[in-house]
Amino acid sequence: MTLKQHNPPHPGELIQRTYIDPFDEITGNKIADRSGIARSAFDRLLNGISDMSPEMAVRLSKVLGGSAESWLTLQESHDLWRARQSFDAKDLEPIDFNKVA
């Protein structure tokens, strides 16, 4: 059984809500500097302009916790949700491999 999320957040939104907003002393620049990510690239991630790369996921897993896989899964869930909102696949027909000679 596949569990579908409704409008899963972009990883940057989750980082902002979970790791920055609740703490006065934590900023996006501080996380960027600690993780070795360019401040501009991290700002684009926080604002949902850029997506999380595998390298960024590895870096954030060390600095913020969680696994790199979990960070990439967040990105993938968000991307799939967005794709399903903008693309209608109802006219596509599956191949019946039982009938292929």
PDB file of N, CA and C in Angstrom:
ATOM      1  N   MET A   1       0.843  -1.176   0.000  1.00  0.00           N
ATOM      2  CA  MET A   1       0.000   0.000   0.000  1.00  0.00           C
ATOM      3  C   MET A   1       0.890   1.242   0.000  1.00  0.00           C
ATOM      4  N   THR A   2       0.622   2.149  -0.925  1.00  0.00           N
ATOM      5  CA  THR A   2       1.387   3.381  -1.031  1.00  0.00           C
ATOM      6  C   THR A   2       0.623   4.503  -0.345  1.00  0.00           C
ATOM      7  N   LEU A   3       1.294   5.205   0.528  1.00  0.00           N
ATOM      8  CA  LEU A   3       0.692   6.319   1.227  1.00  0.00           C
ATOM      9  C   LEU A   3       1.028   7.596   0.474  1.00  0.00           C
ATOM     10  N   LYS A   4      -0.010   8.309   0.010  1.00  0.00           N
ATOM     11  CA  LYS A   4       0.203   9.548  -0.729  1.00  0.00           C
ATOM     12  C   LYS A   4       0.058  10.727   0.215  1.00  0.00           C
ATOM     13  N   GLN A   5       0.974  11.662   0.099  1.00  0.00           N
ATOM     14  CA  GLN A   5       0.890  12.872   0.896  1.00  0.00           C
ATOM     15  C   GLN A   5       0.149  13.939   0.109  1.00  0.00           C
ATOM     16  N   HIS A   6      -0.543  14.787   0.823  1.00  0.00           N
ATOM     17  CA  HIS A   6      -1.180  15.940   0.206  1.00  0.00           C
ATOM     18  C   HIS A   6      -0.246  17.123   0.354  1.00  0.00           C
ATOM     19  N   ASN A   7       0.191  17.643  -0.761  1.00  0.00           N
ATOM     20  CA  ASN A   7       1.065  18.813  -0.794  1.00  0.00           C
ATOM     21  C   ASN A   7       2.254  18.706   0.164  1.00  0.00           C
ATOM     22  N   PRO A   8       3.142  17.733  -0.048  1.00  0.00           N
ATOM     23  CA  PRO A   8       4.317  17.626   0.819  1.00  0.00           C
ATOM     24  C   PRO A   8       5.193  18.869   0.683  1.00  0.00           C
ATOM     25  N   PRO A   9       5.777  19.323   1.773  1.00  0.00           N
ATOM     26  CA  PRO A   9       6.552  20.567   1.722  1.00  0.00           C
ATOM     27  C   PRO A   9       7.857  20.403   0.954  1.00  0.00           C
ATOM     28  N   HIS A  10       8.297  21.498   0.384  1.00  0.00           N
ATOM     29  CA  HIS A  10       9.638  21.559  -0.202  1.00  0.00           C
ATOM     30  C   HIS A  10      10.620  21.429   0.967  1.00  0.00           C
ATOM     31  N   PRO A  11      11.773  20.762   0.780  1.00  0.00           N
ATOM     32  CA  PRO A  11      12.734  20.619   1.877  1.00  0.00           C
ATOM     33  C   PRO A  11      13.147  21.955   2.498  1.00  0.00           C
ATOM     34  N   GLY A  12      13.248  22.992   1.694  1.00  0.00           N
ATOM     35  CA  GLY A  12      13.615  24.303   2.223  1.00  0.00           C
ATOM     36  C   GLY A  12      12.575  24.841   3.192  1.00  0.00           C
ATOM     37  N   GLU A  13      11.309  24.608   2.877  1.00  0.00           N
ATOM     38  CA  GLU A  13      10.224  25.037   3.769  1.00  0.00           C
ATOM     39  C   GLU A  13      10.311  24.289   5.099  1.00  0.00           C
ATOM     40  N   LEU A  14      10.588  23.002   5.024  1.00  0.00           N
ATOM     41  CA  LEU A  14      10.715  22.198   6.244  1.00  0.00           C
ATOM     42  C   LEU A  14      11.902  22.666   7.086  1.00  0.00           C
ATOM     43  N   ILE A  15      13.018  22.955   6.448  1.00  0.00           N
ATOM     44  CA  ILE A  15      14.197  23.451   7.178  1.00  0.00           C
ATOM     45  C   ILE A  15      13.869  24.776   7.858  1.00  0.00           C
ATOM     46  N   GLN A  16      13.212  25.660   7.133  1.00  0.00           N
ATOM     47  CA  GLN A  16      12.854  26.963   7.698  1.00  0.00           C
ATOM     48  C   GLN A  16      11.959  26.793   8.923  1.00  0.00           C
ATOM     49  N   ARG A  17      10.919  25.977   8.797  1.00  0.00           N
ATOM     50  CA  ARG A  17       9.947  25.780   9.885  1.00  0.00           C
ATOM     51  C   ARG A  17      10.517  25.050  11.080  1.00  0.00           C
ATOM     52  N   THR A  18      11.394  24.068  10.819  1.00  0.00           N
ATOM     53  CA  THR A  18      11.861  23.178  11.879  1.00  0.00           C
ATOM     54  C   THR A  18      13.154  23.629  12.542  1.00  0.00           C
ATOM     55  N   TYR A  19      14.076  24.150  11.746  1.00  0.00           N
ATOM     56  CA  TYR A  19      15.417  24.425  12.262  1.00  0.00           C
ATOM     57  C   TYR A  19      15.757  25.908  12.401  1.00  0.00           C
ATOM     58  N   ILE A  20      14.998  26.785  11.756  1.00  0.00           N
ATOM     59  CA  ILE A  20      15.341  28.210  11.811  1.00  0.00           C
ATOM     60  C   ILE A  20      14.312  29.008  12.608  1.00  0.00           C
ATOM     61  N   ASP A  21      13.049  28.924  12.235  1.00  0.00           N
ATOM     62  CA  ASP A  21      12.013  29.738  12.881  1.00  0.00           C
ATOM     63  C   ASP A  21      11.935  29.567  14.402  1.00  0.00           C
ATOM     64  N   PRO A  22      12.044  28.351  14.931  1.00  0.00           N
ATOM     65  CA  PRO A  22      11.905  28.211  16.393  1.00  0.00           C
ATOM     66  C   PRO A  22      13.101  28.706  17.213  1.00  0.00           C
ATOM     67  N   PHE A  23      14.218  29.004  16.561  1.00  0.00           N
ATOM     68  CA  PHE A  23      15.441  29.342  17.292  1.00  0.00           C
ATOM     69  C   PHE A  23      15.966  30.716  16.891  1.00  0.00           C
ATOM     70  N   ASP A  24      16.097  31.597  17.860  1.00  0.00           N
ATOM     71  CA  ASP A  24      16.592  32.943  17.579  1.00  0.00           C
ATOM     72  C   ASP A  24      18.036  32.950  17.091  1.00  0.00           C
ATOM     73  N   GLU A  25      18.834  32.012  17.584  1.00  0.00           N
ATOM     74  CA  GLU A  25      20.268  32.023  17.261  1.00  0.00           C
ATOM     75  C   GLU A  25      20.629  31.246  15.988  1.00  0.00           C
ATOM     76  N   ILE A  26      19.661  30.587  15.387  1.00  0.00           N
ATOM     77  CA  ILE A  26      19.934  29.822  14.165  1.00  0.00           C
ATOM     78  C   ILE A  26      19.401  30.595  12.961  1.00  0.00           C
ATOM     79  N   THR A  27      20.268  30.768  11.970  1.00  0.00           N
ATOM     80  CA  THR A  27      19.886  31.450  10.734  1.00  0.00           C
ATOM     81  C   THR A  27      20.227  30.560   9.550  1.00  0.00           C
ATOM     82  N   GLY A  28      19.680  30.906   8.416  1.00  0.00           N
ATOM     83  CA  GLY A  28      20.024  30.193   7.194  1.00  0.00           C
ATOM     84  C   GLY A  28      21.505  30.303   6.893  1.00  0.00           C
ATOM     85  N   ASN A  29      22.070  31.481   7.119  1.00  0.00           N
ATOM     86  CA  ASN A  29      23.503  31.673   6.871  1.00  0.00           C
ATOM     87  C   ASN A  29      24.349  30.799   7.788  1.00  0.00           C
ATOM     88  N   LYS A  30      23.922  30.651   9.034  1.00  0.00           N
ATOM     89  CA  LYS A  30      24.671  29.823   9.980  1.00  0.00           C
ATOM     90  C   LYS A  30      24.655  28.354   9.526  1.00  0.00           C
ATOM     91  N   ILE A  31      23.491  27.876   9.095  1.00  0.00           N
ATOM     92  CA  ILE A  31      23.402  26.493   8.612  1.00  0.00           C
ATOM     93  C   ILE A  31      24.219  26.331   7.335  1.00  0.00           C
ATOM     94  N   ALA A  32      24.116  27.297   6.439  1.00  0.00           N
ATOM     95  CA  ALA A  32      24.892  27.240   5.190  1.00  0.00           C
ATOM     96  C   ALA A  32      26.386  27.182   5.481  1.00  0.00           C
ATOM     97  N   ASP A  33      26.854  28.066   6.345  1.00  0.00           N
ATOM     98  CA  ASP A  33      28.282  28.111   6.676  1.00  0.00           C
ATOM     99  C   ASP A  33      28.726  26.808   7.336  1.00  0.00           C
ATOM    100  N   ARG A  34      27.950  26.314   8.276  1.00  0.00           N
ATOM    101  CA  ARG A  34      28.307  25.090   9.006  1.00  0.00           C
ATOM    102  C   ARG A  34      28.354  23.888   8.075  1.00  0.00           C
ATOM    103  N   SER A  35      27.483  23.885   7.050  1.00  0.00           N
ATOM    104  CA  SER A  35      27.419  22.730   6.151  1.00  0.00           C
ATOM    105  C   SER A  35      28.296  22.887   4.911  1.00  0.00           C
ATOM    106  N   GLY A  36      28.916  24.051   4.747  1.00  0.00           N
ATOM    107  CA  GLY A  36      29.787  24.261   3.592  1.00  0.00           C
ATOM    108  C   GLY A  36      29.015  24.469   2.289  1.00  0.00           C
ATOM    109  N   ILE A  37      27.778  24.927   2.414  1.00  0.00           N
ATOM    110  CA  ILE A  37      26.951  25.231   1.248  1.00  0.00           C
ATOM    111  C   ILE A  37      26.989  26.748   1.043  1.00  0.00           C
ATOM    112  N   ALA A  38      27.144  27.167  -0.190  1.00  0.00           N
ATOM    113  CA  ALA A  38      27.151  28.608  -0.467  1.00  0.00           C
ATOM    114  C   ALA A  38      25.861  29.231   0.072  1.00  0.00           C
ATOM    115  N   ARG A  39      26.000  30.378   0.694  1.00  0.00           N
ATOM    116  CA  ARG A  39      24.835  31.045   1.283  1.00  0.00           C
ATOM    117  C   ARG A  39      23.745  31.293   0.249  1.00  0.00           C
ATOM    118  N   SER A  40      24.143  31.701  -0.940  1.00  0.00           N
ATOM    119  CA  SER A  40      23.156  31.981  -1.997  1.00  0.00           C
ATOM    120  C   SER A  40      22.419  30.706  -2.404  1.00  0.00           C
ATOM    121  N   ALA A  41      23.133  29.599  -2.498  1.00  0.00           N
ATOM    122  CA  ALA A  41      22.500  28.321  -2.855  1.00  0.00           C
ATOM    123  C   ALA A  41      21.545  27.871  -1.756  1.00  0.00           C
ATOM    124  N   PHE A  42      21.943  28.057  -0.505  1.00  0.00           N
ATOM    125  CA  PHE A  42      21.090  27.653   0.605  1.00  0.00           C
ATOM    126  C   PHE A  42      19.859  28.546   0.692  1.00  0.00           C
ATOM    127  N   ASP A  43      20.032  29.827   0.415  1.00  0.00           N
ATOM    128  CA  ASP A  43      18.903  30.751   0.398  1.00  0.00           C
ATOM    129  C   ASP A  43      17.894  30.356  -0.677  1.00  0.00           C
ATOM    130  N   ARG A  44      18.392  29.960  -1.852  1.00  0.00           N
ATOM    131  CA  ARG A  44      17.496  29.505  -2.919  1.00  0.00           C
ATOM    132  C   ARG A  44      16.741  28.245  -2.500  1.00  0.00           C
ATOM    133  N   LEU A  45      17.403  27.350  -1.773  1.00  0.00           N
ATOM    134  CA  LEU A  45      16.738  26.154  -1.264  1.00  0.00           C
ATOM    135  C   LEU A  45      15.652  26.554  -0.267  1.00  0.00           C
ATOM    136  N   LEU A  46      15.976  27.424   0.685  1.00  0.00           N
ATOM    137  CA  LEU A  46      15.003  27.844   1.690  1.00  0.00           C
ATOM    138  C   LEU A  46      13.773  28.494   1.068  1.00  0.00           C
ATOM    139  N   ASN A  47      13.975  29.204  -0.029  1.00  0.00           N
ATOM    140  CA  ASN A  47      12.878  29.904  -0.692  1.00  0.00           C
ATOM    141  C   ASN A  47      12.175  29.054  -1.749  1.00  0.00           C
ATOM    142  N   GLY A  48      12.576  27.784  -1.874  1.00  0.00           N
ATOM    143  CA  GLY A  48      11.922  26.883  -2.818  1.00  0.00           C
ATOM    144  C   GLY A  48      12.244  27.160  -4.267  1.00  0.00           C
ATOM    145  N   ILE A  49      13.291  27.938  -4.511  1.00  0.00           N
ATOM    146  CA  ILE A  49      13.687  28.272  -5.876  1.00  0.00           C
ATOM    147  C   ILE A  49      14.539  27.151  -6.466  1.00  0.00           C
ATOM    148  N   SER A  50      15.379  26.563  -5.624  1.00  0.00           N
ATOM    149  CA  SER A  50      16.245  25.453  -6.035  1.00  0.00           C
ATOM    150  C   SER A  50      15.855  24.203  -5.275  1.00  0.00           C
ATOM    151  N   ASP A  51      16.191  23.079  -5.854  1.00  0.00           N
ATOM    152  CA  ASP A  51      15.922  21.795  -5.218  1.00  0.00           C
ATOM    153  C   ASP A  51      17.170  21.282  -4.513  1.00  0.00           C
ATOM    154  N   MET A  52      16.964  20.336  -3.619  1.00  0.00           N
ATOM    155  CA  MET A  52      18.071  19.751  -2.873  1.00  0.00           C
ATOM    156  C   MET A  52      18.837  18.764  -3.757  1.00  0.00           C
ATOM    157  N   SER A  53      20.134  18.918  -3.775  1.00  0.00           N
ATOM    158  CA  SER A  53      20.983  17.994  -4.517  1.00  0.00           C
ATOM    159  C   SER A  53      21.435  16.867  -3.587  1.00  0.00           C
ATOM    160  N   PRO A  54      21.898  15.761  -4.139  1.00  0.00           N
ATOM    161  CA  PRO A  54      22.417  14.689  -3.283  1.00  0.00           C
ATOM    162  C   PRO A  54      23.562  15.166  -2.382  1.00  0.00           C
ATOM    163  N   GLU A  55      24.458  15.990  -2.917  1.00  0.00           N
ATOM    164  CA  GLU A  55      25.566  16.489  -2.085  1.00  0.00           C
ATOM    165  C   GLU A  55      25.040  17.343  -0.931  1.00  0.00           C
ATOM    166  N   MET A  56      24.064  18.189  -1.221  1.00  0.00           N
ATOM    167  CA  MET A  56      23.471  19.015  -0.178  1.00  0.00           C
ATOM    168  C   MET A  56      22.803  18.124   0.877  1.00  0.00           C
ATOM    169  N   ALA A  57      22.161  17.055   0.450  1.00  0.00           N
ATOM    170  CA  ALA A  57      21.516  16.128   1.381  1.00  0.00           C
ATOM    171  C   ALA A  57      22.541  15.489   2.316  1.00  0.00           C
ATOM    172  N   VAL A  58      23.695  15.113   1.783  1.00  0.00           N
ATOM    173  CA  VAL A  58      24.759  14.525   2.610  1.00  0.00           C
ATOM    174  C   VAL A  58      25.250  15.552   3.626  1.00  0.00           C
ATOM    175  N   ARG A  59      25.463  16.773   3.173  1.00  0.00           N
ATOM    176  CA  ARG A  59      25.948  17.827   4.064  1.00  0.00           C
ATOM    177  C   ARG A  59      24.933  18.129   5.175  1.00  0.00           C
ATOM    178  N   LEU A  60      23.657  18.257   4.794  1.00  0.00           N
ATOM    179  CA  LEU A  60      22.634  18.580   5.788  1.00  0.00           C
ATOM    180  C   LEU A  60      22.388  17.439   6.758  1.00  0.00           C
ATOM    181  N   SER A  61      22.588  16.207   6.303  1.00  0.00           N
ATOM    182  CA  SER A  61      22.416  15.079   7.220  1.00  0.00           C
ATOM    183  C   SER A  61      23.446  15.148   8.349  1.00  0.00           C
ATOM    184  N   LYS A  62      24.643  15.634   8.044  1.00  0.00           N
ATOM    185  CA  LYS A  62      25.680  15.770   9.073  1.00  0.00           C
ATOM    186  C   LYS A  62      25.403  16.940  10.011  1.00  0.00           C
ATOM    187  N   VAL A  63      24.886  18.044   9.458  1.00  0.00           N
ATOM    188  CA  VAL A  63      24.706  19.269  10.248  1.00  0.00           C
ATOM    189  C   VAL A  63      23.359  19.296  10.977  1.00  0.00           C
ATOM    190  N   LEU A  64      22.290  18.872  10.304  1.00  0.00           N
ATOM    191  CA  LEU A  64      20.957  18.953  10.902  1.00  0.00           C
ATOM    192  C   LEU A  64      20.449  17.618  11.429  1.00  0.00           C
ATOM    193  N   GLY A  65      21.078  16.529  10.989  1.00  0.00           N
ATOM    194  CA  GLY A  65      20.627  15.202  11.399  1.00  0.00           C
ATOM    195  C   GLY A  65      19.783  14.558  10.315  1.00  0.00           C
ATOM    196  N   GLY A  66      19.308  13.375  10.619  1.00  0.00           N
ATOM    197  CA  GLY A  66      18.584  12.603   9.615  1.00  0.00           C
ATOM    198  C   GLY A  66      19.561  12.023   8.613  1.00  0.00           C
ATOM    199  N   SER A  67      19.063  11.197   7.757  1.00  0.00           N
ATOM    200  CA  SER A  67      19.927  10.593   6.744  1.00  0.00           C
ATOM    201  C   SER A  67      19.842  11.388   5.451  1.00  0.00           C
ATOM    202  N   ALA A  68      20.863  11.250   4.630  1.00  0.00           N
ATOM    203  CA  ALA A  68      20.834  11.886   3.310  1.00  0.00           C
ATOM    204  C   ALA A  68      19.644  11.354   2.518  1.00  0.00           C
ATOM    205  N   GLU A  69      19.359  10.074   2.698  1.00  0.00           N
ATOM    206  CA  GLU A  69      18.221   9.470   1.993  1.00  0.00           C
ATOM    207  C   GLU A  69      16.902  10.130   2.392  1.00  0.00           C
ATOM    208  N   SER A  70      16.763  10.444   3.672  1.00  0.00           N
ATOM    209  CA  SER A  70      15.510  11.072   4.117  1.00  0.00           C
ATOM    210  C   SER A  70      15.364  12.478   3.543  1.00  0.00           C
ATOM    211  N   TRP A  71      16.465  13.203   3.436  1.00  0.00           N
ATOM    212  CA  TRP A  71      16.401  14.533   2.828  1.00  0.00           C
ATOM    213  C   TRP A  71      16.024  14.437   1.353  1.00  0.00           C
ATOM    214  N   LEU A  72      16.605  13.479   0.655  1.00  0.00           N
ATOM    215  CA  LEU A  72      16.276  13.321  -0.765  1.00  0.00           C
ATOM    216  C   LEU A  72      14.855  12.808  -0.960  1.00  0.00           C
ATOM    217  N   THR A  73      14.367  11.991  -0.034  1.00  0.00           N
ATOM    218  CA  THR A  73      12.988  11.520  -0.105  1.00  0.00           C
ATOM    219  C   THR A  73      12.013  12.684   0.024  1.00  0.00           C
ATOM    220  N   LEU A  74      12.338  13.651   0.890  1.00  0.00           N
ATOM    221  CA  LEU A  74      11.504  14.854   0.991  1.00  0.00           C
ATOM    222  C   LEU A  74      11.432  15.578  -0.347  1.00  0.00           C
ATOM    223  N   GLN A  75      12.575  15.727  -0.991  1.00  0.00           N
ATOM    224  CA  GLN A  75      12.607  16.409  -2.292  1.00  0.00           C
ATOM    225  C   GLN A  75      11.811  15.624  -3.324  1.00  0.00           C
ATOM    226  N   GLU A  76      12.014  14.311  -3.347  1.00  0.00           N
ATOM    227  CA  GLU A  76      11.317  13.462  -4.315  1.00  0.00           C
ATOM    228  C   GLU A  76       9.800  13.503  -4.107  1.00  0.00           C
ATOM    229  N   SER A  77       9.356  13.456  -2.868  1.00  0.00           N
ATOM    230  CA  SER A  77       7.919  13.512  -2.575  1.00  0.00           C
ATOM    231  C   SER A  77       7.316  14.831  -3.052  1.00  0.00           C
ATOM    232  N   HIS A  78       8.031  15.905  -2.808  1.00  0.00           N
ATOM    233  CA  HIS A  78       7.567  17.221  -3.257  1.00  0.00           C
ATOM    234  C   HIS A  78       7.517  17.278  -4.786  1.00  0.00           C
ATOM    235  N   ASP A  79       8.565  16.794  -5.442  1.00  0.00           N
ATOM    236  CA  ASP A  79       8.622  16.818  -6.912  1.00  0.00           C
ATOM    237  C   ASP A  79       7.511  15.974  -7.533  1.00  0.00           C
ATOM    238  N   LEU A  80       7.272  14.785  -6.984  1.00  0.00           N
ATOM    239  CA  LEU A  80       6.217  13.925  -7.514  1.00  0.00           C
ATOM    240  C   LEU A  80       4.841  14.548  -7.328  1.00  0.00           C
ATOM    241  N   TRP A  81       4.599  15.144  -6.182  1.00  0.00           N
ATOM    242  CA  TRP A  81       3.321  15.803  -5.945  1.00  0.00           C
ATOM    243  C   TRP A  81       3.105  16.923  -6.962  1.00  0.00           C
ATOM    244  N   ARG A  82       4.159  17.728  -7.167  1.00  0.00           N
ATOM    245  CA  ARG A  82       4.072  18.825  -8.139  1.00  0.00           C
ATOM    246  C   ARG A  82       3.813  18.301  -9.543  1.00  0.00           C
ATOM    247  N   ALA A  83       4.484  17.227  -9.917  1.00  0.00           N
ATOM    248  CA  ALA A  83       4.292  16.646 -11.257  1.00  0.00           C
ATOM    249  C   ALA A  83       2.862  16.141 -11.426  1.00  0.00           C
ATOM    250  N   ARG A  84       2.336  15.502 -10.393  1.00  0.00           N
ATOM    251  CA  ARG A  84       0.962  14.987 -10.478  1.00  0.00           C
ATOM    252  C   ARG A  84      -0.053  16.120 -10.572  1.00  0.00           C
ATOM    253  N   GLN A  85       0.266  17.280 -10.031  1.00  0.00           N
ATOM    254  CA  GLN A  85      -0.633  18.424 -10.125  1.00  0.00           C
ATOM    255  C   GLN A  85      -0.634  19.029 -11.526  1.00  0.00           C
ATOM    256  N   SER A  86       0.467  18.919 -12.242  1.00  0.00           N
ATOM    257  CA  SER A  86       0.591  19.599 -13.535  1.00  0.00           C
ATOM    258  C   SER A  86       0.486  18.672 -14.744  1.00  0.00           C
ATOM    259  N   PHE A  87       0.438  17.353 -14.526  1.00  0.00           N
ATOM    260  CA  PHE A  87       0.413  16.418 -15.649  1.00  0.00           C
ATOM    261  C   PHE A  87      -0.717  15.423 -15.468  1.00  0.00           C
ATOM    262  N   ASP A  88      -1.529  15.253 -16.503  1.00  0.00           N
ATOM    263  CA  ASP A  88      -2.637  14.301 -16.471  1.00  0.00           C
ATOM    264  C   ASP A  88      -2.258  13.089 -17.314  1.00  0.00           C
ATOM    265  N   ALA A  89      -2.074  11.956 -16.663  1.00  0.00           N
ATOM    266  CA  ALA A  89      -1.631  10.739 -17.348  1.00  0.00           C
ATOM    267  C   ALA A  89      -2.793   9.821 -17.732  1.00  0.00           C
ATOM    268  N   LYS A  90      -4.038  10.305 -17.621  1.00  0.00           N
ATOM    269  CA  LYS A  90      -5.184   9.422 -17.854  1.00  0.00           C
ATOM    270  C   LYS A  90      -5.257   8.881 -19.279  1.00  0.00           C
ATOM    271  N   ASP A  91      -4.693   9.579 -20.251  1.00  0.00           N
ATOM    272  CA  ASP A  91      -4.741   9.116 -21.639  1.00  0.00           C
ATOM    273  C   ASP A  91      -3.622   8.143 -21.993  1.00  0.00           C
ATOM    274  N   LEU A  92      -2.711   7.886 -21.083  1.00  0.00           N
ATOM    275  CA  LEU A  92      -1.617   6.947 -21.332  1.00  0.00           C
ATOM    276  C   LEU A  92      -2.103   5.525 -21.085  1.00  0.00           C
ATOM    277  N   GLU A  93      -1.670   4.617 -21.923  1.00  0.00           N
ATOM    278  CA  GLU A  93      -2.085   3.218 -21.815  1.00  0.00           C
ATOM    279  C   GLU A  93      -0.899   2.353 -21.409  1.00  0.00           C
ATOM    280  N   PRO A  94      -1.077   1.492 -20.418  1.00  0.00           N
ATOM    281  CA  PRO A  94       0.016   0.599 -20.010  1.00  0.00           C
ATOM    282  C   PRO A  94       0.252  -0.481 -21.056  1.00  0.00           C
ATOM    283  N   ILE A  95       1.452  -0.982 -21.111  1.00  0.00           N
ATOM    284  CA  ILE A  95       1.789  -2.104 -21.997  1.00  0.00           C
ATOM    285  C   ILE A  95       1.459  -3.384 -21.246  1.00  0.00           C
ATOM    286  N   ASP A  96       0.732  -4.272 -21.893  1.00  0.00           N
ATOM    287  CA  ASP A  96       0.419  -5.581 -21.315  1.00  0.00           C
ATOM    288  C   ASP A  96       1.527  -6.541 -21.739  1.00  0.00           C
ATOM    289  N   PHE A  97       2.490  -6.769 -20.864  1.00  0.00           N
ATOM    290  CA  PHE A  97       3.638  -7.602 -21.210  1.00  0.00           C
ATOM    291  C   PHE A  97       3.271  -9.074 -21.334  1.00  0.00           C
ATOM    292  N   ASN A  98       2.109  -9.470 -20.851  1.00  0.00           N
ATOM    293  CA  ASN A  98       1.649 -10.851 -21.021  1.00  0.00           C
ATOM    294  C   ASN A  98       1.228 -11.119 -22.469  1.00  0.00           C
ATOM    295  N   LYS A  99       0.947 -10.075 -23.204  1.00  0.00           N
ATOM    296  CA  LYS A  99       0.491 -10.230 -24.604  1.00  0.00           C
ATOM    297  C   LYS A  99       1.598  -9.927 -25.609  1.00  0.00           C
ATOM    298  N   VAL A 100       2.779  -9.572 -25.147  1.00  0.00           N
ATOM    299  CA  VAL A 100       3.895  -9.266 -26.042  1.00  0.00           C
ATOM    300  C   VAL A 100       4.552 -10.569 -26.458  1.00  0.00           C
ATOM    301  N   ALA A 101       4.754 -10.716 -27.747  1.00  0.00           N
ATOM    302  CA  ALA A 101       5.342 -11.960 -28.262  1.00  0.00           C
ATOM    303  C   ALA A 101       6.832 -11.980 -28.077  1.00  0.00           C
TER     304      ALA A 101
END
